[in-house]
Amino acid sequence: YLFDSHAPIKELPCGHFLHSSCFAQYTRYNYTCPVCCKSIGDMSVYFKMIDSLLAAEAPRLPPQYASQTQAVLCHDCGRQGLASWHFVYHSCQHCRSYNTRVL
């Protein structure tokens, strides 16, 4: 059990806990809480990189998808909204996070 362990634990910004060693290993490849899926840290620089990538891709997007939108749920703010169509990245219209899933 997490709280019966003698190993150090870490509280995530969302209020969930992980063993510190598990956190170090987990965050090598993941940026969201394994329980609630909220972002673990400040992802603004990463999200701006995605914005730049999408801006560069926009001219190559097939015309039939240019005006399409998709309903998404944001794991960071918890709100639903519409995002421009893309096969991978969907930005939350409320908080600009890319930590979303298509509904």
PDB file of N, CA and C in Angstrom:
ATOM      1  N   TYR A   1       0.824  -1.186   0.000  1.00  0.00           N
ATOM      2  CA  TYR A   1       0.000   0.000   0.000  1.00  0.00           C
ATOM      3  C   TYR A   1       0.871   1.255   0.000  1.00  0.00           C
ATOM      4  N   LEU A   2       0.400   2.235  -0.684  1.00  0.00           N
ATOM      5  CA  LEU A   2       1.175   3.454  -0.864  1.00  0.00           C
ATOM      6  C   LEU A   2       1.528   4.121   0.463  1.00  0.00           C
ATOM      7  N   PHE A   3       0.554   4.266   1.334  1.00  0.00           N
ATOM      8  CA  PHE A   3       0.792   5.018   2.566  1.00  0.00           C
ATOM      9  C   PHE A   3       1.360   4.160   3.695  1.00  0.00           C
ATOM     10  N   ASP A   4       1.429   2.846   3.497  1.00  0.00           N
ATOM     11  CA  ASP A   4       2.079   1.955   4.467  1.00  0.00           C
ATOM     12  C   ASP A   4       3.541   1.732   4.115  1.00  0.00           C
ATOM     13  N   SER A   5       3.950   2.189   2.956  1.00  0.00           N
ATOM     14  CA  SER A   5       5.308   1.977   2.463  1.00  0.00           C
ATOM     15  C   SER A   5       6.283   2.913   3.163  1.00  0.00           C
ATOM     16  N   HIS A   6       7.503   2.452   3.302  1.00  0.00           N
ATOM     17  CA  HIS A   6       8.563   3.292   3.859  1.00  0.00           C
ATOM     18  C   HIS A   6       9.243   4.131   2.769  1.00  0.00           C
ATOM     19  N   ALA A   7       8.924   3.838   1.514  1.00  0.00           N
ATOM     20  CA  ALA A   7       9.486   4.596   0.391  1.00  0.00           C
ATOM     21  C   ALA A   7       8.838   5.981   0.336  1.00  0.00           C
ATOM     22  N   PRO A   8       9.601   6.999  -0.063  1.00  0.00           N
ATOM     23  CA  PRO A   8       9.029   8.354  -0.169  1.00  0.00           C
ATOM     24  C   PRO A   8       7.929   8.399  -1.222  1.00  0.00           C
ATOM     25  N   ILE A   9       6.938   9.263  -0.985  1.00  0.00           N
ATOM     26  CA  ILE A   9       5.851   9.434  -1.940  1.00  0.00           C
ATOM     27  C   ILE A   9       5.809  10.887  -2.396  1.00  0.00           C
ATOM     28  N   LYS A  10       5.174  11.102  -3.548  1.00  0.00           N
ATOM     29  CA  LYS A  10       5.079  12.445  -4.131  1.00  0.00           C
ATOM     30  C   LYS A  10       3.618  12.742  -4.405  1.00  0.00           C
ATOM     31  N   GLU A  11       3.190  13.952  -4.008  1.00  0.00           N
ATOM     32  CA  GLU A  11       1.836  14.388  -4.322  1.00  0.00           C
ATOM     33  C   GLU A  11       1.857  15.122  -5.656  1.00  0.00           C
ATOM     34  N   LEU A  12       0.954  14.751  -6.547  1.00  0.00           N
ATOM     35  CA  LEU A  12       0.832  15.395  -7.846  1.00  0.00           C
ATOM     36  C   LEU A  12      -0.042  16.640  -7.713  1.00  0.00           C
ATOM     37  N   PRO A  13       0.042  17.582  -8.642  1.00  0.00           N
ATOM     38  CA  PRO A  13      -0.762  18.809  -8.563  1.00  0.00           C
ATOM     39  C   PRO A  13      -2.272  18.543  -8.470  1.00  0.00           C
ATOM     40  N   CYS A  14      -2.723  17.408  -8.985  1.00  0.00           N
ATOM     41  CA  CYS A  14      -4.151  17.071  -8.953  1.00  0.00           C
ATOM     42  C   CYS A  14      -4.576  16.488  -7.609  1.00  0.00           C
ATOM     43  N   GLY A  15      -3.612  16.185  -6.730  1.00  0.00           N
ATOM     44  CA  GLY A  15      -3.931  15.636  -5.418  1.00  0.00           C
ATOM     45  C   GLY A  15      -3.713  14.145  -5.289  1.00  0.00           C
ATOM     46  N   HIS A  16      -3.388  13.468  -6.377  1.00  0.00           N
ATOM     47  CA  HIS A  16      -3.085  12.044  -6.312  1.00  0.00           C
ATOM     48  C   HIS A  16      -1.632  11.837  -5.895  1.00  0.00           C
ATOM     49  N   PHE A  17      -1.292  10.618  -5.497  1.00  0.00           N
ATOM     50  CA  PHE A  17       0.038  10.316  -4.986  1.00  0.00           C
ATOM     51  C   PHE A  17       0.675   9.163  -5.751  1.00  0.00           C
ATOM     52  N   LEU A  18       2.001   9.196  -5.837  1.00  0.00           N
ATOM     53  CA  LEU A  18       2.814   8.110  -6.407  1.00  0.00           C
ATOM     54  C   LEU A  18       4.059   7.963  -5.553  1.00  0.00           C
ATOM     55  N   HIS A  19       4.618   6.750  -5.531  1.00  0.00           N
ATOM     56  CA  HIS A  19       5.946   6.612  -4.934  1.00  0.00           C
ATOM     57  C   HIS A  19       6.892   7.513  -5.724  1.00  0.00           C
ATOM     58  N   SER A  20       7.828   8.140  -5.060  1.00  0.00           N
ATOM     59  CA  SER A  20       8.766   9.039  -5.750  1.00  0.00           C
ATOM     60  C   SER A  20       9.535   8.312  -6.844  1.00  0.00           C
ATOM     61  N   SER A  21       9.952   7.083  -6.580  1.00  0.00           N
ATOM     62  CA  SER A  21      10.696   6.321  -7.600  1.00  0.00           C
ATOM     63  C   SER A  21       9.792   5.966  -8.777  1.00  0.00           C
ATOM     64  N   CYS A  22       8.534   5.647  -8.506  1.00  0.00           N
ATOM     65  CA  CYS A  22       7.586   5.353  -9.585  1.00  0.00           C
ATOM     66  C   CYS A  22       7.321   6.612 -10.411  1.00  0.00           C
ATOM     67  N   PHE A  23       7.206   7.762  -9.731  1.00  0.00           N
ATOM     68  CA  PHE A  23       6.987   9.035 -10.406  1.00  0.00           C
ATOM     69  C   PHE A  23       8.141   9.337 -11.363  1.00  0.00           C
ATOM     70  N   ALA A  24       9.370   9.155 -10.888  1.00  0.00           N
ATOM     71  CA  ALA A  24      10.544   9.433 -11.724  1.00  0.00           C
ATOM     72  C   ALA A  24      10.548   8.553 -12.966  1.00  0.00           C
ATOM     73  N   GLN A  25      10.203   7.301 -12.804  1.00  0.00           N
ATOM     74  CA  GLN A  25      10.183   6.379 -13.938  1.00  0.00           C
ATOM     75  C   GLN A  25       9.000   6.680 -14.871  1.00  0.00           C
ATOM     76  N   TYR A  26       7.839   6.938 -14.288  1.00  0.00           N
ATOM     77  CA  TYR A  26       6.621   7.188 -15.061  1.00  0.00           C
ATOM     78  C   TYR A  26       6.743   8.445 -15.918  1.00  0.00           C
ATOM     79  N   THR A  27       7.308   9.500 -15.348  1.00  0.00           N
ATOM     80  CA  THR A  27       7.371  10.779 -16.064  1.00  0.00           C
ATOM     81  C   THR A  27       8.444  10.825 -17.146  1.00  0.00           C
ATOM     82  N   ARG A  28       9.189   9.771 -17.295  1.00  0.00           N
ATOM     83  CA  ARG A  28      10.126   9.719 -18.422  1.00  0.00           C
ATOM     84  C   ARG A  28       9.373   9.633 -19.747  1.00  0.00           C
ATOM     85  N   TYR A  29       8.162   9.073 -19.724  1.00  0.00           N
ATOM     86  CA  TYR A  29       7.409   8.854 -20.963  1.00  0.00           C
ATOM     87  C   TYR A  29       5.977   9.380 -20.905  1.00  0.00           C
ATOM     88  N   ASN A  30       5.530   9.907 -19.761  1.00  0.00           N
ATOM     89  CA  ASN A  30       4.151  10.352 -19.608  1.00  0.00           C
ATOM     90  C   ASN A  30       4.109  11.718 -18.940  1.00  0.00           C
ATOM     91  N   TYR A  31       3.106  12.501 -19.266  1.00  0.00           N
ATOM     92  CA  TYR A  31       2.971  13.828 -18.659  1.00  0.00           C
ATOM     93  C   TYR A  31       1.624  14.014 -17.970  1.00  0.00           C
ATOM     94  N   THR A  32       0.846  12.949 -17.821  1.00  0.00           N
ATOM     95  CA  THR A  32      -0.463  13.048 -17.185  1.00  0.00           C
ATOM     96  C   THR A  32      -0.553  12.124 -15.978  1.00  0.00           C
ATOM     97  N   CYS A  33      -1.424  12.485 -15.044  1.00  0.00           N
ATOM     98  CA  CYS A  33      -1.661  11.661 -13.864  1.00  0.00           C
ATOM     99  C   CYS A  33      -2.224  10.316 -14.315  1.00  0.00           C
ATOM    100  N   PRO A  34      -1.699   9.199 -13.793  1.00  0.00           N
ATOM    101  CA  PRO A  34      -2.214   7.895 -14.202  1.00  0.00           C
ATOM    102  C   PRO A  34      -3.619   7.604 -13.672  1.00  0.00           C
ATOM    103  N   VAL A  35      -4.117   8.417 -12.747  1.00  0.00           N
ATOM    104  CA  VAL A  35      -5.447   8.205 -12.170  1.00  0.00           C
ATOM    105  C   VAL A  35      -6.496   9.060 -12.874  1.00  0.00           C
ATOM    106  N   CYS A  36      -6.260  10.392 -12.937  1.00  0.00           N
ATOM    107  CA  CYS A  36      -7.287  11.290 -13.472  1.00  0.00           C
ATOM    108  C   CYS A  36      -6.944  11.891 -14.840  1.00  0.00           C
ATOM    109  N   CYS A  37      -5.755  11.680 -15.334  1.00  0.00           N
ATOM    110  CA  CYS A  37      -5.302  12.141 -16.658  1.00  0.00           C
ATOM    111  C   CYS A  37      -5.026  13.642 -16.750  1.00  0.00           C
ATOM    112  N   LYS A  38      -5.024  14.383 -15.652  1.00  0.00           N
ATOM    113  CA  LYS A  38      -4.664  15.800 -15.703  1.00  0.00           C
ATOM    114  C   LYS A  38      -3.161  15.930 -15.947  1.00  0.00           C
ATOM    115  N   SER A  39      -2.746  17.015 -16.571  1.00  0.00           N
ATOM    116  CA  SER A  39      -1.327  17.251 -16.799  1.00  0.00           C
ATOM    117  C   SER A  39      -0.608  17.366 -15.461  1.00  0.00           C
ATOM    118  N   ILE A  40       0.574  16.786 -15.380  1.00  0.00           N
ATOM    119  CA  ILE A  40       1.335  16.761 -14.133  1.00  0.00           C
ATOM    120  C   ILE A  40       2.077  18.076 -13.907  1.00  0.00           C
ATOM    121  N   GLY A  41       2.453  18.757 -14.961  1.00  0.00           N
ATOM    122  CA  GLY A  41       3.223  19.997 -14.825  1.00  0.00           C
ATOM    123  C   GLY A  41       2.779  21.035 -15.826  1.00  0.00           C
ATOM    124  N   ASP A  42       3.556  22.091 -15.926  1.00  0.00           N
ATOM    125  CA  ASP A  42       3.280  23.162 -16.867  1.00  0.00           C
ATOM    126  C   ASP A  42       3.655  22.690 -18.269  1.00  0.00           C
ATOM    127  N   MET A  43       2.660  22.529 -19.106  1.00  0.00           N
ATOM    128  CA  MET A  43       2.871  22.001 -20.453  1.00  0.00           C
ATOM    129  C   MET A  43       2.796  23.101 -21.511  1.00  0.00           C
ATOM    130  N   SER A  44       2.804  24.363 -21.101  1.00  0.00           N
ATOM    131  CA  SER A  44       2.586  25.467 -22.042  1.00  0.00           C
ATOM    132  C   SER A  44       3.625  25.511 -23.162  1.00  0.00           C
ATOM    133  N   VAL A  45       4.880  25.248 -22.866  1.00  0.00           N
ATOM    134  CA  VAL A  45       5.913  25.265 -23.911  1.00  0.00           C
ATOM    135  C   VAL A  45       5.663  24.139 -24.913  1.00  0.00           C
ATOM    136  N   TYR A  46       5.338  22.956 -24.406  1.00  0.00           N
ATOM    137  CA  TYR A  46       5.045  21.813 -25.284  1.00  0.00           C
ATOM    138  C   TYR A  46       3.810  22.102 -26.143  1.00  0.00           C
ATOM    139  N   PHE A  47       2.763  22.667 -25.530  1.00  0.00           N
ATOM    140  CA  PHE A  47       1.555  22.962 -26.281  1.00  0.00           C
ATOM    141  C   PHE A  47       1.813  24.033 -27.343  1.00  0.00           C
ATOM    142  N   LYS A  48       2.685  24.992 -27.083  1.00  0.00           N
ATOM    143  CA  LYS A  48       3.046  25.998 -28.091  1.00  0.00           C
ATOM    144  C   LYS A  48       3.800  25.354 -29.252  1.00  0.00           C
ATOM    145  N   MET A  49       4.617  24.355 -28.949  1.00  0.00           N
ATOM    146  CA  MET A  49       5.307  23.617 -30.017  1.00  0.00           C
ATOM    147  C   MET A  49       4.291  22.912 -30.918  1.00  0.00           C
ATOM    148  N   ILE A  50       3.263  22.336 -30.318  1.00  0.00           N
ATOM    149  CA  ILE A  50       2.214  21.685 -31.112  1.00  0.00           C
ATOM    150  C   ILE A  50       1.478  22.723 -31.950  1.00  0.00           C
ATOM    151  N   ASP A  51       1.183  23.898 -31.363  1.00  0.00           N
ATOM    152  CA  ASP A  51       0.555  24.979 -32.141  1.00  0.00           C
ATOM    153  C   ASP A  51       1.373  25.313 -33.385  1.00  0.00           C
ATOM    154  N   SER A  52       2.687  25.425 -33.227  1.00  0.00           N
ATOM    155  CA  SER A  52       3.578  25.730 -34.358  1.00  0.00           C
ATOM    156  C   SER A  52       3.559  24.612 -35.398  1.00  0.00           C
ATOM    157  N   LEU A  53       3.580  23.387 -34.935  1.00  0.00           N
ATOM    158  CA  LEU A  53       3.529  22.231 -35.841  1.00  0.00           C
ATOM    159  C   LEU A  53       2.243  22.259 -36.659  1.00  0.00           C
ATOM    160  N   LEU A  54       1.127  22.494 -35.992  1.00  0.00           N
ATOM    161  CA  LEU A  54      -0.160  22.518 -36.691  1.00  0.00           C
ATOM    162  C   LEU A  54      -0.257  23.684 -37.670  1.00  0.00           C
ATOM    163  N   ALA A  55       0.305  24.832 -37.299  1.00  0.00           N
ATOM    164  CA  ALA A  55       0.302  25.982 -38.215  1.00  0.00           C
ATOM    165  C   ALA A  55       1.094  25.663 -39.478  1.00  0.00           C
ATOM    166  N   ALA A  56       2.189  24.941 -39.326  1.00  0.00           N
ATOM    167  CA  ALA A  56       2.995  24.558 -40.490  1.00  0.00           C
ATOM    168  C   ALA A  56       2.293  23.506 -41.342  1.00  0.00           C
ATOM    169  N   GLU A  57       1.489  22.652 -40.714  1.00  0.00           N
ATOM    170  CA  GLU A  57       0.770  21.599 -41.435  1.00  0.00           C
ATOM    171  C   GLU A  57      -0.485  22.100 -42.125  1.00  0.00           C
ATOM    172  N   ALA A  58      -1.057  23.187 -41.656  1.00  0.00           N
ATOM    173  CA  ALA A  58      -2.357  23.669 -42.134  1.00  0.00           C
ATOM    174  C   ALA A  58      -2.462  23.765 -43.658  1.00  0.00           C
ATOM    175  N   PRO A  59      -1.458  24.287 -44.364  1.00  0.00           N
ATOM    176  CA  PRO A  59      -1.588  24.371 -45.830  1.00  0.00           C
ATOM    177  C   PRO A  59      -1.653  22.998 -46.512  1.00  0.00           C
ATOM    178  N   ARG A  60      -1.159  21.975 -45.848  1.00  0.00           N
ATOM    179  CA  ARG A  60      -1.150  20.634 -46.463  1.00  0.00           C
ATOM    180  C   ARG A  60      -2.357  19.787 -46.072  1.00  0.00           C
ATOM    181  N   LEU A  61      -3.233  20.319 -45.205  1.00  0.00           N
ATOM    182  CA  LEU A  61      -4.422  19.585 -44.786  1.00  0.00           C
ATOM    183  C   LEU A  61      -5.380  19.462 -45.966  1.00  0.00           C
ATOM    184  N   PRO A  62      -5.931  18.270 -46.213  1.00  0.00           N
ATOM    185  CA  PRO A  62      -6.880  18.127 -47.315  1.00  0.00           C
ATOM    186  C   PRO A  62      -8.052  19.098 -47.163  1.00  0.00           C
ATOM    187  N   PRO A  63      -8.460  19.727 -48.246  1.00  0.00           N
ATOM    188  CA  PRO A  63      -9.500  20.767 -48.185  1.00  0.00           C
ATOM    189  C   PRO A  63     -10.801  20.299 -47.522  1.00  0.00           C
ATOM    190  N   GLN A  64     -11.155  19.035 -47.693  1.00  0.00           N
ATOM    191  CA  GLN A  64     -12.420  18.555 -47.117  1.00  0.00           C
ATOM    192  C   GLN A  64     -12.401  18.534 -45.585  1.00  0.00           C
ATOM    193  N   TYR A  65     -11.208  18.620 -44.980  1.00  0.00           N
ATOM    194  CA  TYR A  65     -11.102  18.623 -43.522  1.00  0.00           C
ATOM    195  C   TYR A  65     -10.878  20.025 -42.948  1.00  0.00           C
ATOM    196  N   ALA A  66     -10.620  21.002 -43.786  1.00  0.00           N
ATOM    197  CA  ALA A  66     -10.254  22.347 -43.317  1.00  0.00           C
ATOM    198  C   ALA A  66     -11.315  22.976 -42.417  1.00  0.00           C
ATOM    199  N   SER A  67     -12.596  22.740 -42.692  1.00  0.00           N
ATOM    200  CA  SER A  67     -13.651  23.363 -41.886  1.00  0.00           C
ATOM    201  C   SER A  67     -14.297  22.392 -40.897  1.00  0.00           C
ATOM    202  N   GLN A  68     -13.778  21.184 -40.822  1.00  0.00           N
ATOM    203  CA  GLN A  68     -14.355  20.170 -39.921  1.00  0.00           C
ATOM    204  C   GLN A  68     -13.929  20.414 -38.477  1.00  0.00           C
ATOM    205  N   THR A  69     -14.808  20.061 -37.545  1.00  0.00           N
ATOM    206  CA  THR A  69     -14.489  20.126 -36.118  1.00  0.00           C
ATOM    207  C   THR A  69     -14.820  18.792 -35.474  1.00  0.00           C
ATOM    208  N   GLN A  70     -14.277  18.591 -34.280  1.00  0.00           N
ATOM    209  CA  GLN A  70     -14.545  17.383 -33.511  1.00  0.00           C
ATOM    210  C   GLN A  70     -14.875  17.781 -32.084  1.00  0.00           C
ATOM    211  N   ALA A  71     -15.805  17.067 -31.463  1.00  0.00           N
ATOM    212  CA  ALA A  71     -16.124  17.298 -30.056  1.00  0.00           C
ATOM    213  C   ALA A  71     -15.035  16.637 -29.221  1.00  0.00           C
ATOM    214  N   VAL A  72     -14.500  17.385 -28.251  1.00  0.00           N
ATOM    215  CA  VAL A  72     -13.437  16.861 -27.397  1.00  0.00           C
ATOM    216  C   VAL A  72     -13.754  17.126 -25.927  1.00  0.00           C
ATOM    217  N   LEU A  73     -13.158  16.322 -25.068  1.00  0.00           N
ATOM    218  CA  LEU A  73     -13.197  16.518 -23.625  1.00  0.00           C
ATOM    219  C   LEU A  73     -11.782  16.824 -23.176  1.00  0.00           C
ATOM    220  N   CYS A  74     -11.619  17.916 -22.440  1.00  0.00           N
ATOM    221  CA  CYS A  74     -10.302  18.308 -21.950  1.00  0.00           C
ATOM    222  C   CYS A  74     -10.078  17.686 -20.577  1.00  0.00           C
ATOM    223  N   HIS A  75      -8.981  16.976 -20.419  1.00  0.00           N
ATOM    224  CA  HIS A  75      -8.655  16.368 -19.140  1.00  0.00           C
ATOM    225  C   HIS A  75      -8.141  17.405 -18.139  1.00  0.00           C
ATOM    226  N   ASP A  76      -7.632  18.530 -18.619  1.00  0.00           N
ATOM    227  CA  ASP A  76      -7.089  19.542 -17.708  1.00  0.00           C
ATOM    228  C   ASP A  76      -8.167  20.431 -17.095  1.00  0.00           C
ATOM    229  N   CYS A  77      -9.076  20.966 -17.904  1.00  0.00           N
ATOM    230  CA  CYS A  77     -10.118  21.846 -17.349  1.00  0.00           C
ATOM    231  C   CYS A  77     -11.445  21.129 -17.148  1.00  0.00           C
ATOM    232  N   GLY A  78     -11.587  19.934 -17.733  1.00  0.00           N
ATOM    233  CA  GLY A  78     -12.799  19.144 -17.547  1.00  0.00           C
ATOM    234  C   GLY A  78     -13.979  19.571 -18.392  1.00  0.00           C
ATOM    235  N   ARG A  79     -13.755  20.468 -19.337  1.00  0.00           N
ATOM    236  CA  ARG A  79     -14.851  20.976 -20.151  1.00  0.00           C
ATOM    237  C   ARG A  79     -14.871  20.328 -21.522  1.00  0.00           C
ATOM    238  N   GLN A  80     -16.069  20.290 -22.115  1.00  0.00           N
ATOM    239  CA  GLN A  80     -16.239  19.801 -23.475  1.00  0.00           C
ATOM    240  C   GLN A  80     -16.261  20.988 -24.423  1.00  0.00           C
ATOM    241  N   GLY A  81     -15.860  20.735 -25.646  1.00  0.00           N
ATOM    242  CA  GLY A  81     -15.878  21.794 -26.643  1.00  0.00           C
ATOM    243  C   GLY A  81     -15.588  21.238 -28.016  1.00  0.00           C
ATOM    244  N   LEU A  82     -15.410  22.127 -28.962  1.00  0.00           N
ATOM    245  CA  LEU A  82     -15.088  21.746 -30.335  1.00  0.00           C
ATOM    246  C   LEU A  82     -13.640  22.094 -30.630  1.00  0.00           C
ATOM    247  N   ALA A  83     -13.003  21.243 -31.386  1.00  0.00           N
ATOM    248  CA  ALA A  83     -11.624  21.464 -31.812  1.00  0.00           C
ATOM    249  C   ALA A  83     -11.555  21.277 -33.315  1.00  0.00           C
ATOM    250  N   SER A  84     -10.668  22.009 -33.946  1.00  0.00           N
ATOM    251  CA  SER A  84     -10.446  21.822 -35.378  1.00  0.00           C
ATOM    252  C   SER A  84     -10.031  20.381 -35.634  1.00  0.00           C
ATOM    253  N   TRP A  85     -10.469  19.849 -36.771  1.00  0.00           N
ATOM    254  CA  TRP A  85     -10.166  18.462 -37.086  1.00  0.00           C
ATOM    255  C   TRP A  85      -8.668  18.272 -37.275  1.00  0.00           C
ATOM    256  N   HIS A  86      -8.148  17.214 -36.684  1.00  0.00           N
ATOM    257  CA  HIS A  86      -6.781  16.770 -36.906  1.00  0.00           C
ATOM    258  C   HIS A  86      -6.750  15.291 -36.560  1.00  0.00           C
ATOM    259  N   PHE A  87      -5.861  14.551 -37.172  1.00  0.00           N
ATOM    260  CA  PHE A  87      -5.809  13.117 -36.911  1.00  0.00           C
ATOM    261  C   PHE A  87      -5.125  12.766 -35.598  1.00  0.00           C
ATOM    262  N   VAL A  88      -4.409  13.706 -34.952  1.00  0.00           N
ATOM    263  CA  VAL A  88      -3.742  13.438 -33.676  1.00  0.00           C
ATOM    264  C   VAL A  88      -4.045  14.498 -32.625  1.00  0.00           C
ATOM    265  N   TYR A  89      -3.858  15.768 -32.949  1.00  0.00           N
ATOM    266  CA  TYR A  89      -3.890  16.837 -31.955  1.00  0.00           C
ATOM    267  C   TYR A  89      -5.214  17.589 -31.952  1.00  0.00           C
ATOM    268  N   HIS A  90      -5.773  17.790 -30.745  1.00  0.00           N
ATOM    269  CA  HIS A  90      -7.038  18.497 -30.585  1.00  0.00           C
ATOM    270  C   HIS A  90      -6.905  19.446 -29.402  1.00  0.00           C
ATOM    271  N   SER A  91      -6.924  20.733 -29.671  1.00  0.00           N
ATOM    272  CA  SER A  91      -6.747  21.738 -28.641  1.00  0.00           C
ATOM    273  C   SER A  91      -8.079  22.083 -27.983  1.00  0.00           C
ATOM    274  N   CYS A  92      -8.067  22.212 -26.670  1.00  0.00           N
ATOM    275  CA  CYS A  92      -9.254  22.640 -25.922  1.00  0.00           C
ATOM    276  C   CYS A  92      -9.517  24.112 -26.230  1.00  0.00           C
ATOM    277  N   GLN A  93     -10.732  24.435 -26.581  1.00  0.00           N
ATOM    278  CA  GLN A  93     -11.067  25.822 -26.907  1.00  0.00           C
ATOM    279  C   GLN A  93     -11.139  26.691 -25.659  1.00  0.00           C
ATOM    280  N   HIS A  94     -11.180  26.103 -24.481  1.00  0.00           N
ATOM    281  CA  HIS A  94     -11.310  26.866 -23.240  1.00  0.00           C
ATOM    282  C   HIS A  94      -9.952  27.175 -22.609  1.00  0.00           C
ATOM    283  N   CYS A  95      -9.065  26.166 -22.503  1.00  0.00           N
ATOM    284  CA  CYS A  95      -7.783  26.397 -21.809  1.00  0.00           C
ATOM    285  C   CYS A  95      -6.570  26.195 -22.725  1.00  0.00           C
ATOM    286  N   ARG A  96      -6.799  25.854 -23.990  1.00  0.00           N
ATOM    287  CA  ARG A  96      -5.750  25.672 -25.008  1.00  0.00           C
ATOM    288  C   ARG A  96      -4.858  24.444 -24.762  1.00  0.00           C
ATOM    289  N   SER A  97      -5.252  23.565 -23.883  1.00  0.00           N
ATOM    290  CA  SER A  97      -4.496  22.340 -23.619  1.00  0.00           C
ATOM    291  C   SER A  97      -4.711  21.344 -24.760  1.00  0.00           C
ATOM    292  N   TYR A  98      -3.721  20.526 -25.004  1.00  0.00           N
ATOM    293  CA  TYR A  98      -3.851  19.433 -25.953  1.00  0.00           C
ATOM    294  C   TYR A  98      -4.071  18.109 -25.231  1.00  0.00           C
ATOM    295  N   ASN A  99      -4.293  18.167 -23.940  1.00  0.00           N
ATOM    296  CA  ASN A  99      -4.561  16.970 -23.135  1.00  0.00           C
ATOM    297  C   ASN A  99      -6.059  16.668 -23.231  1.00  0.00           C
ATOM    298  N   THR A 100      -6.487  16.265 -24.426  1.00  0.00           N
ATOM    299  CA  THR A 100      -7.897  16.063 -24.731  1.00  0.00           C
ATOM    300  C   THR A 100      -8.121  14.681 -25.309  1.00  0.00           C
ATOM    301  N   ARG A 101      -9.386  14.322 -25.382  1.00  0.00           N
ATOM    302  CA  ARG A 101      -9.771  13.103 -26.107  1.00  0.00           C
ATOM    303  C   ARG A 101     -11.003  13.395 -26.915  1.00  0.00           C
ATOM    304  N   VAL A 102     -11.111  12.758 -28.053  1.00  0.00           N
ATOM    305  CA  VAL A 102     -12.259  12.940 -28.943  1.00  0.00           C
ATOM    306  C   VAL A 102     -13.446  12.198 -28.358  1.00  0.00           C
ATOM    307  N   LEU A 103     -14.599  12.862 -28.359  1.00  0.00           N
ATOM    308  CA  LEU A 103     -15.834  12.242 -27.851  1.00  0.00           C
ATOM    309  C   LEU A 103     -16.581  11.543 -28.968  1.00  0.00           C
TER     310      LEU A 103
END
